């Protein structure tokens, strides 16, 4: 009986830490996804002298999974940056993370 209590206490301590670890991993995936899209934006700009600035043109970037991150945790949204010729990338979370929310990267970094 004592063993069950000890295991229960350890599990109650470890599980919240594990959940936070998983959320940090998801955030890292979102950051990597934005960096990959930004690199493809720069490659597209080098070839076409313009950035992709609308969601309808995401396929022109030849992303592996379209506008979705590798595990589907983030959806990509692309917007134009205030008429300066840049872009804004937003990775919209598809899971519950109250501490972080959506991730954004623009042409300046």
PDB file of N, CA and C in Angstrom:
ATOM      1  N   UNK A   1       0.822  -1.192   0.000  1.00  0.00           N
ATOM      2  CA  UNK A   1       0.000   0.000   0.000  1.00  0.00           C
ATOM      3  C   UNK A   1       0.869   1.260   0.000  1.00  0.00           C
ATOM      4  N   UNK A   2       1.948   1.215   0.766  1.00  0.00           N
ATOM      5  CA  UNK A   2       2.868   2.357   0.820  1.00  0.00           C
ATOM      6  C   UNK A   2       3.497   2.584  -0.552  1.00  0.00           C
ATOM      7  N   UNK A   3       3.782   1.507  -1.248  1.00  0.00           N
ATOM      8  CA  UNK A   3       4.374   1.619  -2.579  1.00  0.00           C
ATOM      9  C   UNK A   3       3.438   2.366  -3.528  1.00  0.00           C
ATOM     10  N   UNK A   4       2.158   2.058  -3.455  1.00  0.00           N
ATOM     11  CA  UNK A   4       1.177   2.720  -4.310  1.00  0.00           C
ATOM     12  C   UNK A   4       1.112   4.210  -3.993  1.00  0.00           C
ATOM     13  N   UNK A   5       1.168   4.569  -2.720  1.00  0.00           N
ATOM     14  CA  UNK A   5       1.136   5.974  -2.311  1.00  0.00           C
ATOM     15  C   UNK A   5       2.378   6.702  -2.820  1.00  0.00           C
ATOM     16  N   UNK A   6       3.542   6.085  -2.680  1.00  0.00           N
ATOM     17  CA  UNK A   6       4.794   6.696  -3.135  1.00  0.00           C
ATOM     18  C   UNK A   6       4.759   6.899  -4.649  1.00  0.00           C
ATOM     19  N   UNK A   7       4.289   5.890  -5.381  1.00  0.00           N
ATOM     20  CA  UNK A   7       4.201   6.013  -6.838  1.00  0.00           C
ATOM     21  C   UNK A   7       3.219   7.114  -7.219  1.00  0.00           C
ATOM     22  N   UNK A   8       2.110   7.219  -6.500  1.00  0.00           N
ATOM     23  CA  UNK A   8       1.137   8.277  -6.759  1.00  0.00           C
ATOM     24  C   UNK A   8       1.721   9.660  -6.532  1.00  0.00           C
ATOM     25  N   UNK A   9       2.482   9.827  -5.470  1.00  0.00           N
ATOM     26  CA  UNK A   9       3.117  11.118  -5.174  1.00  0.00           C
ATOM     27  C   UNK A   9       4.134  11.469  -6.252  1.00  0.00           C
ATOM     28  N   UNK A  10       4.964  10.506  -6.626  1.00  0.00           N
ATOM     29  CA  UNK A  10       5.961  10.756  -7.673  1.00  0.00           C
ATOM     30  C   UNK A  10       5.291  11.100  -9.005  1.00  0.00           C
ATOM     31  N   UNK A  11       4.212  10.406  -9.325  1.00  0.00           N
ATOM     32  CA  UNK A  11       3.505  10.683 -10.577  1.00  0.00           C
ATOM     33  C   UNK A  11       2.889  12.077 -10.561  1.00  0.00           C
ATOM     34  N   UNK A  12       2.357  12.490  -9.418  1.00  0.00           N
ATOM     35  CA  UNK A  12       1.743  13.822  -9.347  1.00  0.00           C
ATOM     36  C   UNK A  12       2.778  14.933  -9.475  1.00  0.00           C
ATOM     37  N   UNK A  13       4.007  14.645  -9.134  1.00  0.00           N
ATOM     38  CA  UNK A  13       5.087  15.622  -9.290  1.00  0.00           C
ATOM     39  C   UNK A  13       5.631  15.596 -10.719  1.00  0.00           C
ATOM     40  N   UNK A  14       5.789  14.410 -11.274  1.00  0.00           N
ATOM     41  CA  UNK A  14       6.433  14.266 -12.579  1.00  0.00           C
ATOM     42  C   UNK A  14       5.522  14.652 -13.742  1.00  0.00           C
ATOM     43  N   UNK A  15       4.233  14.385 -13.650  1.00  0.00           N
ATOM     44  CA  UNK A  15       3.339  14.619 -14.786  1.00  0.00           C
ATOM     45  C   UNK A  15       3.271  16.084 -15.213  1.00  0.00           C
ATOM     46  N   UNK A  16       3.116  17.048 -14.298  1.00  0.00           N
ATOM     47  CA  UNK A  16       3.125  18.454 -14.740  1.00  0.00           C
ATOM     48  C   UNK A  16       4.445  18.867 -15.391  1.00  0.00           C
ATOM     49  N   UNK A  17       5.553  18.341 -14.892  1.00  0.00           N
ATOM     50  CA  UNK A  17       6.849  18.641 -15.512  1.00  0.00           C
ATOM     51  C   UNK A  17       6.914  18.071 -16.922  1.00  0.00           C
ATOM     52  N   UNK A  18       6.375  16.876 -17.090  1.00  0.00           N
ATOM     53  CA  UNK A  18       6.353  16.251 -18.410  1.00  0.00           C
ATOM     54  C   UNK A  18       5.492  17.063 -19.377  1.00  0.00           C
ATOM     55  N   UNK A  19       4.328  17.528 -18.916  1.00  0.00           N
ATOM     56  CA  UNK A  19       3.463  18.338 -19.772  1.00  0.00           C
ATOM     57  C   UNK A  19       4.170  19.612 -20.225  1.00  0.00           C
ATOM     58  N   UNK A  20       4.887  20.255 -19.325  1.00  0.00           N
ATOM     59  CA  UNK A  20       5.617  21.476 -19.683  1.00  0.00           C
ATOM     60  C   UNK A  20       6.734  21.163 -20.683  1.00  0.00           C
ATOM     61  N   UNK A  21       7.393  20.039 -20.501  1.00  0.00           N
ATOM     62  CA  UNK A  21       8.438  19.605 -21.429  1.00  0.00           C
ATOM     63  C   UNK A  21       7.857  19.410 -22.833  1.00  0.00           C
ATOM     64  N   UNK A  22       6.682  18.792 -22.927  1.00  0.00           N
ATOM     65  CA  UNK A  22       6.034  18.569 -24.221  1.00  0.00           C
ATOM     66  C   UNK A  22       5.667  19.904 -24.866  1.00  0.00           C
ATOM     67  N   UNK A  23       5.140  20.843 -24.085  1.00  0.00           N
ATOM     68  CA  UNK A  23       4.784  22.161 -24.627  1.00  0.00           C
ATOM     69  C   UNK A  23       6.017  22.900 -25.139  1.00  0.00           C
ATOM     70  N   UNK A  24       7.133  22.804 -24.415  1.00  0.00           N
ATOM     71  CA  UNK A  24       8.365  23.450 -24.889  1.00  0.00           C
ATOM     72  C   UNK A  24       8.813  22.833 -26.203  1.00  0.00           C
ATOM     73  N   UNK A  25       8.674  21.518 -26.323  1.00  0.00           N
ATOM     74  CA  UNK A  25       9.009  20.849 -27.581  1.00  0.00           C
ATOM     75  C   UNK A  25       8.130  21.320 -28.726  1.00  0.00           C
ATOM     76  N   UNK A  26       6.851  21.510 -28.445  1.00  0.00           N
ATOM     77  CA  UNK A  26       5.930  22.018 -29.471  1.00  0.00           C
ATOM     78  C   UNK A  26       6.315  23.426 -29.906  1.00  0.00           C
ATOM     79  N   UNK A  27       6.688  24.267 -28.944  1.00  0.00           N
ATOM     80  CA  UNK A  27       7.110  25.638 -29.281  1.00  0.00           C
ATOM     81  C   UNK A  27       8.357  25.613 -30.158  1.00  0.00           C
ATOM     82  N   UNK A  28       9.279  24.718 -29.838  1.00  0.00           N
ATOM     83  CA  UNK A  28      10.497  24.587 -30.639  1.00  0.00           C
ATOM     84  C   UNK A  28      10.150  24.171 -32.065  1.00  0.00           C
ATOM     85  N   UNK A  29       9.177  23.281 -32.197  1.00  0.00           N
ATOM     86  CA  UNK A  29       8.731  22.888 -33.534  1.00  0.00           C
ATOM     87  C   UNK A  29       8.174  24.091 -34.293  1.00  0.00           C
ATOM     88  N   UNK A  30       7.404  24.924 -33.617  1.00  0.00           N
ATOM     89  CA  UNK A  30       6.847  26.122 -34.250  1.00  0.00           C
ATOM     90  C   UNK A  30       7.927  27.088 -34.694  1.00  0.00           C
ATOM     91  N   UNK A  31       8.942  27.260 -33.863  1.00  0.00           N
ATOM     92  CA  UNK A  31      10.049  28.151 -34.216  1.00  0.00           C
ATOM     93  C   UNK A  31      10.819  27.608 -35.415  1.00  0.00           C
ATOM     94  N   UNK A  32      11.074  26.303 -35.420  1.00  0.00           N
ATOM     95  CA  UNK A  32      11.783  25.692 -36.548  1.00  0.00           C
ATOM     96  C   UNK A  32      10.962  25.813 -37.833  1.00  0.00           C
ATOM     97  N   UNK A  33       9.651  25.651 -37.709  1.00  0.00           N
ATOM     98  CA  UNK A  33       8.760  25.787 -38.864  1.00  0.00           C
ATOM     99  C   UNK A  33       8.834  27.195 -39.442  1.00  0.00           C
ATOM    100  N   UNK A  34       8.785  28.209 -38.577  1.00  0.00           N
ATOM    101  CA  UNK A  34       8.885  29.595 -39.054  1.00  0.00           C
ATOM    102  C   UNK A  34      10.239  29.863 -39.703  1.00  0.00           C
ATOM    103  N   UNK A  35      11.313  29.327 -39.127  1.00  0.00           N
ATOM    104  CA  UNK A  35      12.644  29.522 -39.716  1.00  0.00           C
ATOM    105  C   UNK A  35      12.746  28.864 -41.088  1.00  0.00           C
ATOM    106  N   UNK A  36      12.150  27.680 -41.239  1.00  0.00           N
ATOM    107  CA  UNK A  36      12.163  27.012 -42.540  1.00  0.00           C
ATOM    108  C   UNK A  36      11.399  27.833 -43.578  1.00  0.00           C
ATOM    109  N   UNK A  37      10.229  28.331 -43.197  1.00  0.00           N
ATOM    110  CA  UNK A  37       9.426  29.127 -44.130  1.00  0.00           C
ATOM    111  C   UNK A  37      10.154  30.418 -44.486  1.00  0.00           C
ATOM    112  N   UNK A  38      10.811  31.052 -43.506  1.00  0.00           N
ATOM    113  CA  UNK A  38      11.562  32.283 -43.772  1.00  0.00           C
ATOM    114  C   UNK A  38      12.694  32.015 -44.767  1.00  0.00           C
ATOM    115  N   UNK A  39      13.385  30.886 -44.612  1.00  0.00           N
ATOM    116  CA  UNK A  39      14.457  30.540 -45.553  1.00  0.00           C
ATOM    117  C   UNK A  39      13.893  30.335 -46.959  1.00  0.00           C
ATOM    118  N   UNK A  40      12.746  29.699 -47.049  1.00  0.00           N
ATOM    119  CA  UNK A  40      12.122  29.501 -48.359  1.00  0.00           C
ATOM    120  C   UNK A  40      11.623  30.824 -48.944  1.00  0.00           C
ATOM    121  N   UNK A  41      11.188  31.725 -48.080  1.00  0.00           N
ATOM    122  CA  UNK A  41      10.791  33.060 -48.547  1.00  0.00           C
ATOM    123  C   UNK A  41      11.993  33.773 -49.169  1.00  0.00           C
ATOM    124  N   UNK A  42      13.133  33.697 -48.510  1.00  0.00           N
ATOM    125  CA  UNK A  42      14.336  34.356 -49.036  1.00  0.00           C
ATOM    126  C   UNK A  42      14.774  33.732 -50.355  1.00  0.00           C
ATOM    127  N   UNK A  43      14.672  32.418 -50.459  1.00  0.00           N
ATOM    128  CA  UNK A  43      15.008  31.747 -51.718  1.00  0.00           C
ATOM    129  C   UNK A  43      14.046  32.189 -52.826  1.00  0.00           C
ATOM    130  N   UNK A  44      12.759  32.257 -52.498  1.00  0.00           N
ATOM    131  CA  UNK A  44      11.759  32.700 -53.471  1.00  0.00           C
ATOM    132  C   UNK A  44      12.038  34.143 -53.899  1.00  0.00           C
ATOM    133  N   UNK A  45      12.419  34.986 -52.941  1.00  0.00           N
ATOM    134  CA  UNK A  45      12.730  36.384 -53.251  1.00  0.00           C
ATOM    135  C   UNK A  45      13.937  36.477 -54.182  1.00  0.00           C
ATOM    136  N   UNK A  46      14.953  35.655 -53.940  1.00  0.00           N
ATOM    137  CA  UNK A  46      16.150  35.680 -54.782  1.00  0.00           C
ATOM    138  C   UNK A  46      15.826  35.305 -56.227  1.00  0.00           C
ATOM    139  N   UNK A  47      14.848  34.442 -56.415  1.00  0.00           N
ATOM    140  CA  UNK A  47      14.496  33.996 -57.759  1.00  0.00           C
ATOM    141  C   UNK A  47      13.444  34.873 -58.439  1.00  0.00           C
ATOM    142  N   UNK A  48      12.562  35.507 -57.652  1.00  0.00           N
ATOM    143  CA  UNK A  48      11.414  36.220 -58.229  1.00  0.00           C
ATOM    144  C   UNK A  48      11.338  37.698 -57.874  1.00  0.00           C
ATOM    145  N   UNK A  49      12.259  38.166 -57.056  1.00  0.00           N
ATOM    146  CA  UNK A  49      12.320  39.564 -56.629  1.00  0.00           C
ATOM    147  C   UNK A  49      11.036  40.032 -55.930  1.00  0.00           C
ATOM    148  N   UNK A  50      10.369  39.125 -55.245  1.00  0.00           N
ATOM    149  CA  UNK A  50       9.198  39.448 -54.426  1.00  0.00           C
ATOM    150  C   UNK A  50       8.984  38.330 -53.409  1.00  0.00           C
ATOM    151  N   UNK A  51       8.308  38.668 -52.314  1.00  0.00           N
ATOM    152  CA  UNK A  51       7.972  37.680 -51.295  1.00  0.00           C
ATOM    153  C   UNK A  51       6.551  37.178 -51.515  1.00  0.00           C
ATOM    154  N   UNK A  52       6.274  36.018 -50.987  1.00  0.00           N
ATOM    155  CA  UNK A  52       4.904  35.518 -50.919  1.00  0.00           C
ATOM    156  C   UNK A  52       4.232  36.262 -49.766  1.00  0.00           C
ATOM    157  N   UNK A  53       3.109  36.910 -50.020  1.00  0.00           N
ATOM    158  CA  UNK A  53       2.466  37.710 -48.972  1.00  0.00           C
ATOM    159  C   UNK A  53       0.996  37.359 -48.762  1.00  0.00           C
ATOM    160  N   UNK A  54       0.556  36.225 -49.283  1.00  0.00           N
ATOM    161  CA  UNK A  54      -0.832  35.819 -49.035  1.00  0.00           C
ATOM    162  C   UNK A  54      -0.897  34.307 -48.835  1.00  0.00           C
ATOM    163  N   UNK A  55      -1.883  33.887 -48.077  1.00  0.00           N
ATOM    164  CA  UNK A  55      -2.046  32.464 -47.786  1.00  0.00           C
ATOM    165  C   UNK A  55      -2.346  31.644 -49.039  1.00  0.00           C
ATOM    166  N   UNK A  56      -2.952  32.258 -50.035  1.00  0.00           N
ATOM    167  CA  UNK A  56      -3.293  31.542 -51.264  1.00  0.00           C
ATOM    168  C   UNK A  56      -2.051  31.083 -52.025  1.00  0.00           C
ATOM    169  N   UNK A  57      -0.917  31.745 -51.803  1.00  0.00           N
ATOM    170  CA  UNK A  57       0.312  31.430 -52.542  1.00  0.00           C
ATOM    171  C   UNK A  57       1.298  30.574 -51.756  1.00  0.00           C
ATOM    172  N   UNK A  58       0.890  30.016 -50.628  1.00  0.00           N
ATOM    173  CA  UNK A  58       1.800  29.222 -49.792  1.00  0.00           C
ATOM    174  C   UNK A  58       2.427  28.081 -50.583  1.00  0.00           C
ATOM    175  N   UNK A  59       1.678  27.468 -51.494  1.00  0.00           N
ATOM    176  CA  UNK A  59       2.205  26.333 -52.258  1.00  0.00           C
ATOM    177  C   UNK A  59       3.409  26.706 -53.116  1.00  0.00           C
ATOM    178  N   UNK A  60       3.572  27.985 -53.440  1.00  0.00           N
ATOM    179  CA  UNK A  60       4.730  28.419 -54.231  1.00  0.00           C
ATOM    180  C   UNK A  60       6.039  28.253 -53.467  1.00  0.00           C
ATOM    181  N   UNK A  61       5.957  28.114 -52.143  1.00  0.00           N
ATOM    182  CA  UNK A  61       7.166  27.933 -51.332  1.00  0.00           C
ATOM    183  C   UNK A  61       7.619  26.475 -51.283  1.00  0.00           C
ATOM    184  N   UNK A  62       6.827  25.572 -51.844  1.00  0.00           N
ATOM    185  CA  UNK A  62       7.158  24.140 -51.891  1.00  0.00           C
ATOM    186  C   UNK A  62       7.458  23.557 -50.513  1.00  0.00           C
ATOM    187  N   UNK A  63       6.613  23.867 -49.550  1.00  0.00           N
ATOM    188  CA  UNK A  63       6.766  23.297 -48.212  1.00  0.00           C
ATOM    189  C   UNK A  63       6.330  21.837 -48.224  1.00  0.00           C
ATOM    190  N   UNK A  64       6.996  21.030 -47.428  1.00  0.00           N
ATOM    191  CA  UNK A  64       6.744  19.597 -47.397  1.00  0.00           C
ATOM    192  C   UNK A  64       5.284  19.273 -47.067  1.00  0.00           C
ATOM    193  N   UNK A  65       4.735  19.919 -46.044  1.00  0.00           N
ATOM    194  CA  UNK A  65       3.369  19.646 -45.597  1.00  0.00           C
ATOM    195  C   UNK A  65       2.430  20.816 -45.863  1.00  0.00           C
ATOM    196  N   UNK A  66       2.705  21.592 -46.883  1.00  0.00           N
ATOM    197  CA  UNK A  66       1.879  22.760 -47.175  1.00  0.00           C
ATOM    198  C   UNK A  66       2.010  23.797 -46.082  1.00  0.00           C
ATOM    199  N   UNK A  67       0.897  24.311 -45.612  1.00  0.00           N
ATOM    200  CA  UNK A  67       0.925  25.346 -44.586  1.00  0.00           C
ATOM    201  C   UNK A  67       0.815  24.812 -43.176  1.00  0.00           C
ATOM    202  N   UNK A  68       1.214  23.560 -42.963  1.00  0.00           N
ATOM    203  CA  UNK A  68       1.119  22.930 -41.649  1.00  0.00           C
ATOM    204  C   UNK A  68       2.498  22.458 -41.215  1.00  0.00           C
ATOM    205  N   UNK A  69       2.787  22.594 -39.919  1.00  0.00           N
ATOM    206  CA  UNK A  69       4.068  22.105 -39.407  1.00  0.00           C
ATOM    207  C   UNK A  69       4.116  20.580 -39.488  1.00  0.00           C
ATOM    208  N   UNK A  70       5.274  20.008 -39.242  1.00  0.00           N
ATOM    209  CA  UNK A  70       5.503  18.580 -39.454  1.00  0.00           C
ATOM    210  C   UNK A  70       4.511  17.692 -38.708  1.00  0.00           C
ATOM    211  N   UNK A  71       4.203  18.018 -37.461  1.00  0.00           N
ATOM    212  CA  UNK A  71       3.271  17.197 -36.682  1.00  0.00           C
ATOM    213  C   UNK A  71       1.872  17.797 -36.617  1.00  0.00           C
ATOM    214  N   UNK A  72       1.650  18.880 -37.340  1.00  0.00           N
ATOM    215  CA  UNK A  72       0.328  19.489 -37.364  1.00  0.00           C
ATOM    216  C   UNK A  72       0.008  20.368 -36.173  1.00  0.00           C
ATOM    217  N   UNK A  73       1.006  20.716 -35.388  1.00  0.00           N
ATOM    218  CA  UNK A  73       0.773  21.549 -34.203  1.00  0.00           C
ATOM    219  C   UNK A  73       0.579  23.021 -34.554  1.00  0.00           C
ATOM    220  N   UNK A  74       1.057  23.438 -35.730  1.00  0.00           N
ATOM    221  CA  UNK A  74       0.954  24.841 -36.145  1.00  0.00           C
ATOM    222  C   UNK A  74       0.459  24.945 -37.583  1.00  0.00           C
ATOM    223  N   UNK A  75      -0.368  25.953 -37.833  1.00  0.00           N
ATOM    224  CA  UNK A  75      -0.831  26.300 -39.181  1.00  0.00           C
ATOM    225  C   UNK A  75      -0.180  27.623 -39.570  1.00  0.00           C
ATOM    226  N   UNK A  76       0.291  27.719 -40.804  1.00  0.00           N
ATOM    227  CA  UNK A  76       0.984  28.909 -41.280  1.00  0.00           C
ATOM    228  C   UNK A  76       0.009  29.939 -41.828  1.00  0.00           C
ATOM    229  N   UNK A  77       0.272  31.186 -41.492  1.00  0.00           N
ATOM    230  CA  UNK A  77      -0.462  32.315 -42.056  1.00  0.00           C
ATOM    231  C   UNK A  77       0.576  33.340 -42.511  1.00  0.00           C
ATOM    232  N   UNK A  78       0.418  33.855 -43.731  1.00  0.00           N
ATOM    233  CA  UNK A  78       1.373  34.818 -44.281  1.00  0.00           C
ATOM    234  C   UNK A  78       0.655  36.134 -44.547  1.00  0.00           C
ATOM    235  N   UNK A  79       1.290  37.231 -44.154  1.00  0.00           N
ATOM    236  CA  UNK A  79       0.725  38.551 -44.407  1.00  0.00           C
ATOM    237  C   UNK A  79       1.779  39.497 -44.942  1.00  0.00           C
ATOM    238  N   UNK A  80       1.324  40.605 -45.499  1.00  0.00           N
ATOM    239  CA  UNK A  80       2.232  41.617 -46.037  1.00  0.00           C
ATOM    240  C   UNK A  80       2.648  42.566 -44.928  1.00  0.00           C
ATOM    241  N   UNK A  81       3.863  43.055 -44.998  1.00  0.00           N
ATOM    242  CA  UNK A  81       4.421  43.925 -43.966  1.00  0.00           C
ATOM    243  C   UNK A  81       4.319  45.382 -44.381  1.00  0.00           C
ATOM    244  N   UNK A  82       3.257  46.063 -44.032  1.00  0.00           N
ATOM    245  CA  UNK A  82       3.092  47.519 -44.150  1.00  0.00           C
ATOM    246  C   UNK A  82       3.717  48.158 -45.386  1.00  0.00           C
ATOM    247  N   UNK A  83       3.464  47.650 -46.553  1.00  0.00           N
ATOM    248  CA  UNK A  83       3.910  48.248 -47.816  1.00  0.00           C
ATOM    249  C   UNK A  83       5.417  48.458 -47.933  1.00  0.00           C
ATOM    250  N   UNK A  84       6.205  47.773 -47.122  1.00  0.00           N
ATOM    251  CA  UNK A  84       7.656  47.924 -47.255  1.00  0.00           C
ATOM    252  C   UNK A  84       8.268  46.767 -48.044  1.00  0.00           C
ATOM    253  N   UNK A  85       7.419  45.924 -48.604  1.00  0.00           N
ATOM    254  CA  UNK A  85       7.910  44.829 -49.419  1.00  0.00           C
ATOM    255  C   UNK A  85       8.252  43.586 -48.635  1.00  0.00           C
ATOM    256  N   UNK A  86       8.066  43.602 -47.334  1.00  0.00           N
ATOM    257  CA  UNK A  86       8.397  42.449 -46.501  1.00  0.00           C
ATOM    258  C   UNK A  86       7.218  41.510 -46.316  1.00  0.00           C
ATOM    259  N   UNK A  87       7.308  40.677 -45.303  1.00  0.00           N
ATOM    260  CA  UNK A  87       6.265  39.700 -45.012  1.00  0.00           C
ATOM    261  C   UNK A  87       6.189  39.472 -43.507  1.00  0.00           C
ATOM    262  N   UNK A  88       5.081  38.934 -43.076  1.00  0.00           N
ATOM    263  CA  UNK A  88       4.901  38.503 -41.695  1.00  0.00           C
ATOM    264  C   UNK A  88       4.416  37.066 -41.713  1.00  0.00           C
ATOM    265  N   UNK A  89       5.143  36.199 -41.031  1.00  0.00           N
ATOM    266  CA  UNK A  89       4.754  34.800 -40.912  1.00  0.00           C
ATOM    267  C   UNK A  89       4.173  34.586 -39.521  1.00  0.00           C
ATOM    268  N   UNK A  90       3.055  33.909 -39.438  1.00  0.00           N
ATOM    269  CA  UNK A  90       2.456  33.586 -38.152  1.00  0.00           C
ATOM    270  C   UNK A  90       2.188  32.094 -38.102  1.00  0.00           C
ATOM    271  N   UNK A  91       2.716  31.442 -37.073  1.00  0.00           N
ATOM    272  CA  UNK A  91       2.433  30.033 -36.818  1.00  0.00           C
ATOM    273  C   UNK A  91       1.337  29.999 -35.762  1.00  0.00           C
ATOM    274  N   UNK A  92       0.129  29.650 -36.189  1.00  0.00           N
ATOM    275  CA  UNK A  92      -1.026  29.633 -35.296  1.00  0.00           C
ATOM    276  C   UNK A  92      -1.111  28.272 -34.627  1.00  0.00           C
ATOM    277  N   UNK A  93      -1.076  28.272 -33.296  1.00  0.00           N
ATOM    278  CA  UNK A  93      -1.069  27.007 -32.559  1.00  0.00           C
ATOM    279  C   UNK A  93      -2.378  26.254 -32.744  1.00  0.00           C
ATOM    280  N   UNK A  94      -2.272  24.942 -32.825  1.00  0.00           N
ATOM    281  CA  UNK A  94      -3.430  24.068 -32.957  1.00  0.00           C
ATOM    282  C   UNK A  94      -3.581  23.191 -31.720  1.00  0.00           C
ATOM    283  N   UNK A  95      -3.035  23.656 -30.602  1.00  0.00           N
ATOM    284  CA  UNK A  95      -3.122  22.949 -29.328  1.00  0.00           C
ATOM    285  C   UNK A  95      -3.250  24.002 -28.239  1.00  0.00           C
ATOM    286  N   UNK A  96      -3.488  23.584 -27.018  1.00  0.00           N
ATOM    287  CA  UNK A  96      -3.711  24.528 -25.924  1.00  0.00           C
ATOM    288  C   UNK A  96      -2.400  24.847 -25.211  1.00  0.00           C
ATOM    289  N   UNK A  97      -1.933  26.087 -25.357  1.00  0.00           N
ATOM    290  CA  UNK A  97      -0.733  26.549 -24.658  1.00  0.00           C
ATOM    291  C   UNK A  97      -0.977  27.989 -24.218  1.00  0.00           C
ATOM    292  N   UNK A  98      -1.493  28.144 -23.009  1.00  0.00           N
ATOM    293  CA  UNK A  98      -1.833  29.475 -22.502  1.00  0.00           C
ATOM    294  C   UNK A  98      -0.610  30.360 -22.309  1.00  0.00           C
ATOM    295  N   UNK A  99       0.547  29.765 -22.076  1.00  0.00           N
ATOM    296  CA  UNK A  99       1.750  30.546 -21.785  1.00  0.00           C
ATOM    297  C   UNK A  99       2.382  31.152 -23.033  1.00  0.00           C
ATOM    298  N   UNK A 100       2.121  30.585 -24.200  1.00  0.00           N
ATOM    299  CA  UNK A 100       2.848  31.042 -25.384  1.00  0.00           C
ATOM    300  C   UNK A 100       1.950  31.654 -26.452  1.00  0.00           C
ATOM    301  N   UNK A 101       1.025  30.926 -26.998  1.00  0.00           N
ATOM    302  CA  UNK A 101       0.170  31.452 -28.064  1.00  0.00           C
ATOM    303  C   UNK A 101       0.802  31.304 -29.435  1.00  0.00           C
ATOM    304  N   UNK A 102       0.370  32.135 -30.372  1.00  0.00           N
ATOM    305  CA  UNK A 102       0.879  32.084 -31.742  1.00  0.00           C
ATOM    306  C   UNK A 102       2.290  32.665 -31.812  1.00  0.00           C
ATOM    307  N   UNK A 103       3.077  32.161 -32.758  1.00  0.00           N
ATOM    308  CA  UNK A 103       4.446  32.638 -32.971  1.00  0.00           C
ATOM    309  C   UNK A 103       4.486  33.458 -34.253  1.00  0.00           C
ATOM    310  N   UNK A 104       5.228  34.566 -34.233  1.00  0.00           N
ATOM    311  CA  UNK A 104       5.295  35.459 -35.392  1.00  0.00           C
ATOM    312  C   UNK A 104       6.743  35.778 -35.737  1.00  0.00           C
ATOM    313  N   UNK A 105       7.025  35.848 -37.037  1.00  0.00           N
ATOM    314  CA  UNK A 105       8.342  36.218 -37.545  1.00  0.00           C
ATOM    315  C   UNK A 105       8.116  37.087 -38.774  1.00  0.00           C
ATOM    316  N   UNK A 106       8.864  38.193 -38.880  1.00  0.00           N
ATOM    317  CA  UNK A 106       8.714  39.032 -40.076  1.00  0.00           C
ATOM    318  C   UNK A 106      10.018  39.054 -40.866  1.00  0.00           C
ATOM    319  N   UNK A 107      10.035  39.779 -41.966  1.00  0.00           N
ATOM    320  CA  UNK A 107      11.186  39.797 -42.864  1.00  0.00           C
ATOM    321  C   UNK A 107      12.438  40.357 -42.202  1.00  0.00           C
ATOM    322  N   UNK A 108      12.274  41.146 -41.163  1.00  0.00           N
ATOM    323  CA  UNK A 108      13.422  41.732 -40.472  1.00  0.00           C
ATOM    324  C   UNK A 108      13.956  40.788 -39.397  1.00  0.00           C
ATOM    325  N   UNK A 109      13.174  39.848 -38.985  1.00  0.00           N
ATOM    326  CA  UNK A 109      13.592  38.895 -37.958  1.00  0.00           C
ATOM    327  C   UNK A 109      12.665  38.945 -36.822  1.00  0.00           C
TER     328      UNK A 109
END
